[in-house]
Amino acid sequence: MGTDGLDRNACKEDKAELEDRLDLRGLKCPLPVLRTKKALGRRAPGAWLVVLADDPLARLDLLHLCRSEGHEAEPPAPLSGGGWRFSIRKGLGAADQ
C-alpha cells in the first residue's frame, strides 16, 4: 500500500477499468471526505475510486461531495465488518482540485 493509503494492487471491474482503493476505515469526520476529495483531484476524469469508510457521517459527506463536484457515485454497499464501500467515478467535467 502506498503512503497515500491507496492499494496499488488495483482490481479489474466488469467494465475492464482499473480502480484504486482508498481504505479510510477508522478515520473520523472530516478526514474521509477530505482524503477522498484529494484522491479524486489526482485522477483523470472518468477514473474510478473505491472508498472504504466506517465513520457514520461518511455516507452523507461522500455523497454530498459527489453531488456538489459532479462525480458519479453508486449506492454505498455495506461492509460485513461495519462501514460502507463507495464506488465513485470522477466526473467528466470535474476540475482538478
N, C-alpha and C. Protein backbone atom coordinates (compact mmCIF):
# COMPACT_ATOMS: atom_id res chain seq x y z
N MET A 1 0.85 -1.17 0.00
CA MET A 1 0.00 0.00 0.00
C MET A 1 0.89 1.24 0.00
N GLY A 2 0.51 2.24 -0.78
CA GLY A 2 1.30 3.45 -0.88
C GLY A 2 1.12 4.35 0.32
N THR A 3 1.95 5.39 0.40
CA THR A 3 1.88 6.31 1.53
C THR A 3 0.60 7.12 1.54
N ASP A 4 -0.10 7.19 0.40
CA ASP A 4 -1.36 7.93 0.36
C ASP A 4 -2.55 7.06 0.72
N GLY A 5 -2.32 5.80 1.12
CA GLY A 5 -3.39 4.91 1.53
C GLY A 5 -4.03 4.16 0.37
N LEU A 6 -3.50 4.31 -0.84
CA LEU A 6 -4.07 3.64 -2.00
C LEU A 6 -3.45 2.27 -2.20
N ASP A 7 -4.30 1.30 -2.48
CA ASP A 7 -3.85 -0.05 -2.77
C ASP A 7 -3.43 -0.09 -4.23
N ARG A 8 -2.16 -0.23 -4.47
CA ARG A 8 -1.66 -0.22 -5.85
C ARG A 8 -1.94 -1.53 -6.57
N ASN A 9 -2.42 -2.54 -5.87
CA ASN A 9 -2.85 -3.78 -6.50
C ASN A 9 -4.31 -3.63 -6.87
N ALA A 10 -4.55 -2.75 -7.84
CA ALA A 10 -5.93 -2.44 -8.23
C ALA A 10 -6.59 -3.66 -8.85
N CYS A 11 -7.90 -3.77 -8.67
CA CYS A 11 -8.63 -4.89 -9.23
C CYS A 11 -9.39 -4.44 -10.47
N LYS A 12 -9.75 -5.40 -11.34
CA LYS A 12 -10.47 -5.07 -12.57
C LYS A 12 -11.96 -5.07 -12.33
N GLU A 13 -12.63 -4.09 -12.86
CA GLU A 13 -14.08 -4.00 -12.84
C GLU A 13 -14.61 -4.80 -14.02
N ASP A 14 -15.92 -5.07 -14.00
CA ASP A 14 -16.55 -5.74 -15.14
C ASP A 14 -16.36 -4.92 -16.41
N LYS A 15 -16.27 -3.62 -16.26
CA LYS A 15 -16.10 -2.73 -17.41
C LYS A 15 -14.65 -2.69 -17.88
N ALA A 16 -13.81 -3.56 -17.30
CA ALA A 16 -12.39 -3.65 -17.65
C ALA A 16 -11.65 -2.36 -17.34
N GLU A 17 -12.13 -1.62 -16.35
CA GLU A 17 -11.45 -0.40 -15.92
C GLU A 17 -10.72 -0.70 -14.62
N LEU A 18 -9.61 -0.04 -14.43
CA LEU A 18 -8.89 -0.19 -13.17
C LEU A 18 -9.47 0.77 -12.14
N GLU A 19 -9.48 0.33 -10.92
CA GLU A 19 -9.94 1.18 -9.83
C GLU A 19 -8.88 1.19 -8.74
N ASP A 20 -8.77 2.28 -8.06
CA ASP A 20 -7.91 2.38 -6.89
C ASP A 20 -8.80 2.24 -5.67
N ARG A 21 -8.22 1.72 -4.59
CA ARG A 21 -8.96 1.52 -3.35
C ARG A 21 -8.34 2.41 -2.27
N LEU A 22 -9.18 3.17 -1.60
CA LEU A 22 -8.76 4.07 -0.54
C LEU A 22 -9.45 3.60 0.74
N ASP A 23 -8.66 3.03 1.67
CA ASP A 23 -9.21 2.48 2.90
C ASP A 23 -9.13 3.54 4.00
N LEU A 24 -10.29 4.11 4.34
CA LEU A 24 -10.35 5.19 5.33
C LEU A 24 -11.06 4.74 6.60
N ARG A 25 -11.18 3.43 6.78
CA ARG A 25 -11.82 2.92 7.98
C ARG A 25 -11.00 3.33 9.20
N GLY A 26 -11.70 3.75 10.24
CA GLY A 26 -11.05 4.20 11.46
C GLY A 26 -10.86 5.70 11.53
N LEU A 27 -11.02 6.39 10.40
CA LEU A 27 -10.88 7.85 10.39
C LEU A 27 -12.23 8.49 10.66
N LYS A 28 -12.22 9.60 11.36
CA LYS A 28 -13.45 10.32 11.70
C LYS A 28 -13.56 11.60 10.89
N CYS A 29 -14.79 12.08 10.80
CA CYS A 29 -15.12 13.30 10.09
C CYS A 29 -14.22 14.44 10.58
N PRO A 30 -13.68 15.20 9.66
CA PRO A 30 -13.92 15.30 8.23
C PRO A 30 -12.89 14.57 7.37
N LEU A 31 -12.01 13.77 7.98
CA LEU A 31 -10.91 13.17 7.22
C LEU A 31 -11.34 12.30 6.04
N PRO A 32 -12.37 11.45 6.15
CA PRO A 32 -12.72 10.64 4.97
C PRO A 32 -13.07 11.47 3.74
N VAL A 33 -13.86 12.51 3.91
CA VAL A 33 -14.24 13.30 2.74
C VAL A 33 -13.06 14.14 2.22
N LEU A 34 -12.22 14.64 3.12
CA LEU A 34 -11.06 15.42 2.68
C LEU A 34 -10.07 14.57 1.90
N ARG A 35 -9.81 13.37 2.38
CA ARG A 35 -8.86 12.48 1.68
C ARG A 35 -9.45 11.97 0.37
N THR A 36 -10.75 11.75 0.33
CA THR A 36 -11.40 11.34 -0.92
C THR A 36 -11.31 12.45 -1.95
N LYS A 37 -11.58 13.67 -1.52
CA LYS A 37 -11.50 14.82 -2.44
C LYS A 37 -10.09 14.96 -3.00
N LYS A 38 -9.09 14.80 -2.15
CA LYS A 38 -7.70 14.91 -2.60
C LYS A 38 -7.36 13.79 -3.58
N ALA A 39 -7.81 12.57 -3.29
CA ALA A 39 -7.53 11.42 -4.17
C ALA A 39 -8.23 11.60 -5.52
N LEU A 40 -9.46 12.10 -5.53
CA LEU A 40 -10.17 12.33 -6.79
C LEU A 40 -9.48 13.43 -7.61
N GLY A 41 -8.93 14.42 -6.92
CA GLY A 41 -8.25 15.51 -7.62
C GLY A 41 -7.03 15.06 -8.40
N ARG A 42 -6.45 13.92 -8.00
CA ARG A 42 -5.25 13.40 -8.69
C ARG A 42 -5.60 12.43 -9.82
N ARG A 43 -6.88 12.21 -10.06
CA ARG A 43 -7.29 11.25 -11.08
C ARG A 43 -7.83 11.95 -12.32
N ALA A 44 -7.77 11.22 -13.40
CA ALA A 44 -8.31 11.71 -14.66
C ALA A 44 -9.83 11.59 -14.64
N PRO A 45 -10.53 12.46 -15.34
CA PRO A 45 -11.98 12.32 -15.44
C PRO A 45 -12.35 10.93 -15.95
N GLY A 46 -13.37 10.35 -15.33
CA GLY A 46 -13.81 9.01 -15.71
C GLY A 46 -13.17 7.89 -14.90
N ALA A 47 -12.13 8.20 -14.12
CA ALA A 47 -11.46 7.17 -13.31
C ALA A 47 -12.33 6.79 -12.12
N TRP A 48 -12.24 5.52 -11.72
CA TRP A 48 -12.99 5.01 -10.57
C TRP A 48 -12.13 5.00 -9.32
N LEU A 49 -12.73 5.31 -8.20
CA LEU A 49 -12.09 5.24 -6.89
C LEU A 49 -13.04 4.50 -5.96
N VAL A 50 -12.54 3.47 -5.29
CA VAL A 50 -13.33 2.75 -4.29
C VAL A 50 -12.86 3.23 -2.93
N VAL A 51 -13.82 3.68 -2.12
CA VAL A 51 -13.52 4.21 -0.79
C VAL A 51 -14.19 3.31 0.24
N LEU A 52 -13.42 2.86 1.22
CA LEU A 52 -13.95 2.12 2.36
C LEU A 52 -13.93 3.04 3.56
N ALA A 53 -15.08 3.23 4.19
CA ALA A 53 -15.17 4.15 5.33
C ALA A 53 -16.19 3.61 6.32
N ASP A 54 -15.93 3.86 7.62
CA ASP A 54 -16.87 3.41 8.65
C ASP A 54 -17.35 4.54 9.56
N ASP A 55 -16.96 5.76 9.28
CA ASP A 55 -17.48 6.88 10.06
C ASP A 55 -18.95 7.08 9.70
N PRO A 56 -19.83 7.22 10.70
CA PRO A 56 -21.26 7.36 10.41
C PRO A 56 -21.60 8.53 9.48
N LEU A 57 -20.81 9.59 9.51
CA LEU A 57 -21.09 10.74 8.65
C LEU A 57 -20.54 10.58 7.23
N ALA A 58 -19.74 9.55 7.01
CA ALA A 58 -19.14 9.36 5.68
C ALA A 58 -20.20 9.17 4.60
N ARG A 59 -21.28 8.45 4.91
CA ARG A 59 -22.33 8.25 3.91
C ARG A 59 -22.87 9.58 3.41
N LEU A 60 -23.16 10.48 4.32
CA LEU A 60 -23.68 11.79 3.92
C LEU A 60 -22.62 12.64 3.25
N ASP A 61 -21.44 12.71 3.86
CA ASP A 61 -20.38 13.59 3.37
C ASP A 61 -19.90 13.19 1.97
N LEU A 62 -19.67 11.90 1.76
CA LEU A 62 -19.14 11.46 0.46
C LEU A 62 -20.17 11.63 -0.65
N LEU A 63 -21.43 11.33 -0.37
CA LEU A 63 -22.46 11.51 -1.39
C LEU A 63 -22.67 13.00 -1.70
N HIS A 64 -22.56 13.85 -0.68
CA HIS A 64 -22.65 15.30 -0.90
C HIS A 64 -21.47 15.79 -1.74
N LEU A 65 -20.28 15.29 -1.45
CA LEU A 65 -19.10 15.66 -2.24
C LEU A 65 -19.33 15.32 -3.71
N CYS A 66 -19.84 14.13 -3.97
CA CYS A 66 -20.07 13.70 -5.36
C CYS A 66 -21.09 14.60 -6.06
N ARG A 67 -22.19 14.88 -5.38
CA ARG A 67 -23.22 15.74 -5.99
C ARG A 67 -22.68 17.15 -6.25
N SER A 68 -21.97 17.70 -5.30
CA SER A 68 -21.53 19.09 -5.42
C SER A 68 -20.39 19.27 -6.41
N GLU A 69 -19.61 18.22 -6.67
CA GLU A 69 -18.47 18.36 -7.57
C GLU A 69 -18.63 17.62 -8.89
N GLY A 70 -19.81 17.04 -9.11
CA GLY A 70 -20.09 16.43 -10.41
C GLY A 70 -19.54 15.03 -10.61
N HIS A 71 -19.31 14.30 -9.51
CA HIS A 71 -18.84 12.92 -9.62
C HIS A 71 -20.04 11.98 -9.58
N GLU A 72 -19.86 10.78 -10.10
CA GLU A 72 -20.90 9.76 -10.09
C GLU A 72 -20.62 8.79 -8.95
N ALA A 73 -21.63 8.50 -8.15
CA ALA A 73 -21.46 7.57 -7.04
C ALA A 73 -22.52 6.49 -7.10
N GLU A 74 -22.07 5.25 -7.00
CA GLU A 74 -23.02 4.15 -6.88
C GLU A 74 -23.52 4.13 -5.44
N PRO A 75 -24.70 3.55 -5.18
CA PRO A 75 -25.18 3.49 -3.80
C PRO A 75 -24.16 2.79 -2.90
N PRO A 76 -23.92 3.32 -1.70
CA PRO A 76 -22.94 2.70 -0.79
C PRO A 76 -23.36 1.27 -0.46
N ALA A 77 -22.39 0.37 -0.47
CA ALA A 77 -22.64 -1.04 -0.14
C ALA A 77 -22.12 -1.30 1.27
N PRO A 78 -22.94 -1.88 2.14
CA PRO A 78 -22.48 -2.16 3.50
C PRO A 78 -21.37 -3.21 3.50
N LEU A 79 -20.41 -3.02 4.41
CA LEU A 79 -19.32 -3.98 4.60
C LEU A 79 -19.68 -4.92 5.74
N SER A 80 -19.23 -6.15 5.66
CA SER A 80 -19.58 -7.14 6.69
C SER A 80 -19.06 -6.75 8.07
N GLY A 81 -17.93 -6.07 8.15
CA GLY A 81 -17.37 -5.67 9.43
C GLY A 81 -17.82 -4.30 9.90
N GLY A 82 -18.77 -3.70 9.20
CA GLY A 82 -19.23 -2.35 9.50
C GLY A 82 -18.66 -1.35 8.52
N GLY A 83 -19.38 -0.33 8.27
CA GLY A 83 -18.97 0.69 7.32
C GLY A 83 -19.55 0.43 5.95
N TRP A 84 -19.01 1.14 4.97
CA TRP A 84 -19.54 1.08 3.62
C TRP A 84 -18.43 1.09 2.58
N ARG A 85 -18.80 0.59 1.41
CA ARG A 85 -17.93 0.63 0.23
C ARG A 85 -18.58 1.61 -0.75
N PHE A 86 -17.84 2.64 -1.10
CA PHE A 86 -18.32 3.65 -2.05
C PHE A 86 -17.54 3.49 -3.35
N SER A 87 -18.25 3.39 -4.46
CA SER A 87 -17.62 3.38 -5.78
C SER A 87 -17.92 4.73 -6.42
N ILE A 88 -16.86 5.49 -6.65
CA ILE A 88 -17.00 6.86 -7.14
C ILE A 88 -16.25 6.99 -8.46
N ARG A 89 -16.93 7.54 -9.44
CA ARG A 89 -16.30 7.81 -10.73
C ARG A 89 -16.13 9.31 -10.85
N LYS A 90 -14.89 9.73 -11.09
CA LYS A 90 -14.63 11.17 -11.22
C LYS A 90 -15.41 11.72 -12.40
N GLY A 91 -16.09 12.82 -12.17
CA GLY A 91 -16.91 13.43 -13.21
C GLY A 91 -16.09 13.85 -14.42
N LEU A 92 -16.71 13.74 -15.57
CA LEU A 92 -16.02 14.08 -16.81
C LEU A 92 -15.71 15.57 -16.89
N GLY A 93 -16.53 16.38 -16.25
CA GLY A 93 -16.29 17.81 -16.26
C GLY A 93 -15.68 18.32 -14.96
N ALA A 94 -15.34 17.41 -14.06
CA ALA A 94 -14.81 17.83 -12.75
C ALA A 94 -13.39 18.34 -12.90
N ALA A 95 -13.18 19.52 -12.40
CA ALA A 95 -11.84 20.12 -12.45
C ALA A 95 -10.97 19.53 -11.37
N ASP A 96 -9.67 19.49 -11.60
CA ASP A 96 -8.74 19.01 -10.58
C ASP A 96 -8.77 19.98 -9.41
N GLN A 97 -8.79 19.41 -8.21
CA GLN A 97 -8.85 20.22 -7.01
C GLN A 97 -7.48 20.31 -6.38
